Amino acid sequence: MAEEMTTARVNPQGSASLGRMALWGLSAFIAVLMAGTVALWFTLGSAVFFEVVAAGIAYCF
């Protein structure tokens, strides 16, 4: 008698949940960046804020 062959089933929810977790992580990271931006804006004012950003960009290049 021949045995039935079974194939491994891949959970289709597995990759979708990983994608959702990555999306939530990216969203949380962007939210933290935006909160930091708003905090700097209110703390330092717009002129100082733009000077700090320009100095940071100039430092990178």
C-alpha atoms as a PDB file:
ATOM      1  CA  MET A   1       0.000   0.000   0.000  1.00  0.00           C
ATOM      2  CA  ALA A   2       1.289   3.426  -0.890  1.00  0.00           C
ATOM      3  CA  GLU A   3       1.323   6.153   1.684  1.00  0.00           C
ATOM      4  CA  GLU A   4      -0.204   9.515   0.931  1.00  0.00           C
ATOM      5  CA  MET A   5       2.233  12.318   0.386  1.00  0.00           C
ATOM      6  CA  THR A   6       1.583  15.423   2.385  1.00  0.00           C
ATOM      7  CA  THR A   7       2.975  18.804   1.562  1.00  0.00           C
ATOM      8  CA  ALA A   8       3.995  21.374   4.106  1.00  0.00           C
ATOM      9  CA  ARG A   9       1.514  24.178   4.239  1.00  0.00           C
ATOM     10  CA  VAL A  10       2.822  27.690   4.513  1.00  0.00           C
ATOM     11  CA  ASN A  11       0.840  29.970   6.727  1.00  0.00           C
ATOM     12  CA  PRO A  12      -0.322  32.788   4.439  1.00  0.00           C
ATOM     13  CA  GLN A  13      -0.893  34.962   7.502  1.00  0.00           C
ATOM     14  CA  GLY A  14       2.783  34.670   8.485  1.00  0.00           C
ATOM     15  CA  SER A  15       4.220  36.915   5.821  1.00  0.00           C
ATOM     16  CA  ALA A  16       1.327  39.351   6.076  1.00  0.00           C
ATOM     17  CA  SER A  17       1.778  39.730   9.814  1.00  0.00           C
ATOM     18  CA  LEU A  18       5.512  40.297   9.327  1.00  0.00           C
ATOM     19  CA  GLY A  19       4.737  42.994   6.791  1.00  0.00           C
ATOM     20  CA  ARG A  20       2.256  44.589   9.171  1.00  0.00           C
ATOM     21  CA  MET A  21       4.792  44.536  11.989  1.00  0.00           C
ATOM     22  CA  ALA A  22       7.347  46.226   9.735  1.00  0.00           C
ATOM     23  CA  LEU A  23       4.779  48.840   8.739  1.00  0.00           C
ATOM     24  CA  TRP A  24       3.876  49.510  12.385  1.00  0.00           C
ATOM     25  CA  GLY A  25       7.562  49.772  13.280  1.00  0.00           C
ATOM     26  CA  LEU A  26       8.197  52.237  10.470  1.00  0.00           C
ATOM     27  CA  SER A  27       5.125  54.226  11.472  1.00  0.00           C
ATOM     28  CA  ALA A  28       6.303  54.377  15.089  1.00  0.00           C
ATOM     29  CA  PHE A  29       9.766  55.509  13.993  1.00  0.00           C
ATOM     30  CA  ILE A  30       8.309  58.296  11.849  1.00  0.00           C
ATOM     31  CA  ALA A  31       6.011  59.342  14.702  1.00  0.00           C
ATOM     32  CA  VAL A  32       9.012  59.624  17.055  1.00  0.00           C
ATOM     33  CA  LEU A  33      10.892  61.714  14.476  1.00  0.00           C
ATOM     34  CA  MET A  34       7.892  63.992  14.038  1.00  0.00           C
ATOM     35  CA  ALA A  35       7.478  64.383  17.811  1.00  0.00           C
ATOM     36  CA  GLY A  36      11.148  65.322  18.101  1.00  0.00           C
ATOM     37  CA  THR A  37      10.766  67.824  15.286  1.00  0.00           C
ATOM     38  CA  VAL A  38       7.783  69.475  16.948  1.00  0.00           C
ATOM     39  CA  ALA A  39       9.570  69.523  20.311  1.00  0.00           C
ATOM     40  CA  LEU A  40      12.615  71.231  18.779  1.00  0.00           C
ATOM     41  CA  TRP A  41      10.405  73.680  16.921  1.00  0.00           C
ATOM     42  CA  PHE A  42       8.570  74.780  20.071  1.00  0.00           C
ATOM     43  CA  THR A  43      11.689  74.742  22.244  1.00  0.00           C
ATOM     44  CA  LEU A  44      14.136  76.543  19.974  1.00  0.00           C
ATOM     45  CA  GLY A  45      11.866  78.529  17.684  1.00  0.00           C
ATOM     46  CA  SER A  46      11.748  78.391  13.933  1.00  0.00           C
ATOM     47  CA  ALA A  47      14.951  80.358  13.174  1.00  0.00           C
ATOM     48  CA  VAL A  48      17.141  78.321  15.518  1.00  0.00           C
ATOM     49  CA  PHE A  49      15.430  75.119  14.414  1.00  0.00           C
ATOM     50  CA  PHE A  50      16.297  75.749  10.759  1.00  0.00           C
ATOM     51  CA  GLU A  51      19.874  76.677  11.692  1.00  0.00           C
ATOM     52  CA  VAL A  52      20.280  73.409  13.579  1.00  0.00           C
ATOM     53  CA  VAL A  53      18.864  71.419  10.668  1.00  0.00           C
ATOM     54  CA  ALA A  54      21.075  73.263   8.147  1.00  0.00           C
ATOM     55  CA  ALA A  55      24.161  72.671  10.320  1.00  0.00           C
ATOM     56  CA  GLY A  56      23.312  68.969  10.578  1.00  0.00           C
ATOM     57  CA  ILE A  57      22.915  68.637   6.836  1.00  0.00           C
ATOM     58  CA  ALA A  58      26.139  70.573   6.215  1.00  0.00           C
ATOM     59  CA  TYR A  59      27.969  68.280   8.640  1.00  0.00           C
ATOM     60  CA  CYS A  60      26.864  65.234   6.656  1.00  0.00           C
ATOM     61  CA  PHE A  61      28.302  66.565   3.422  1.00  0.00           C
END
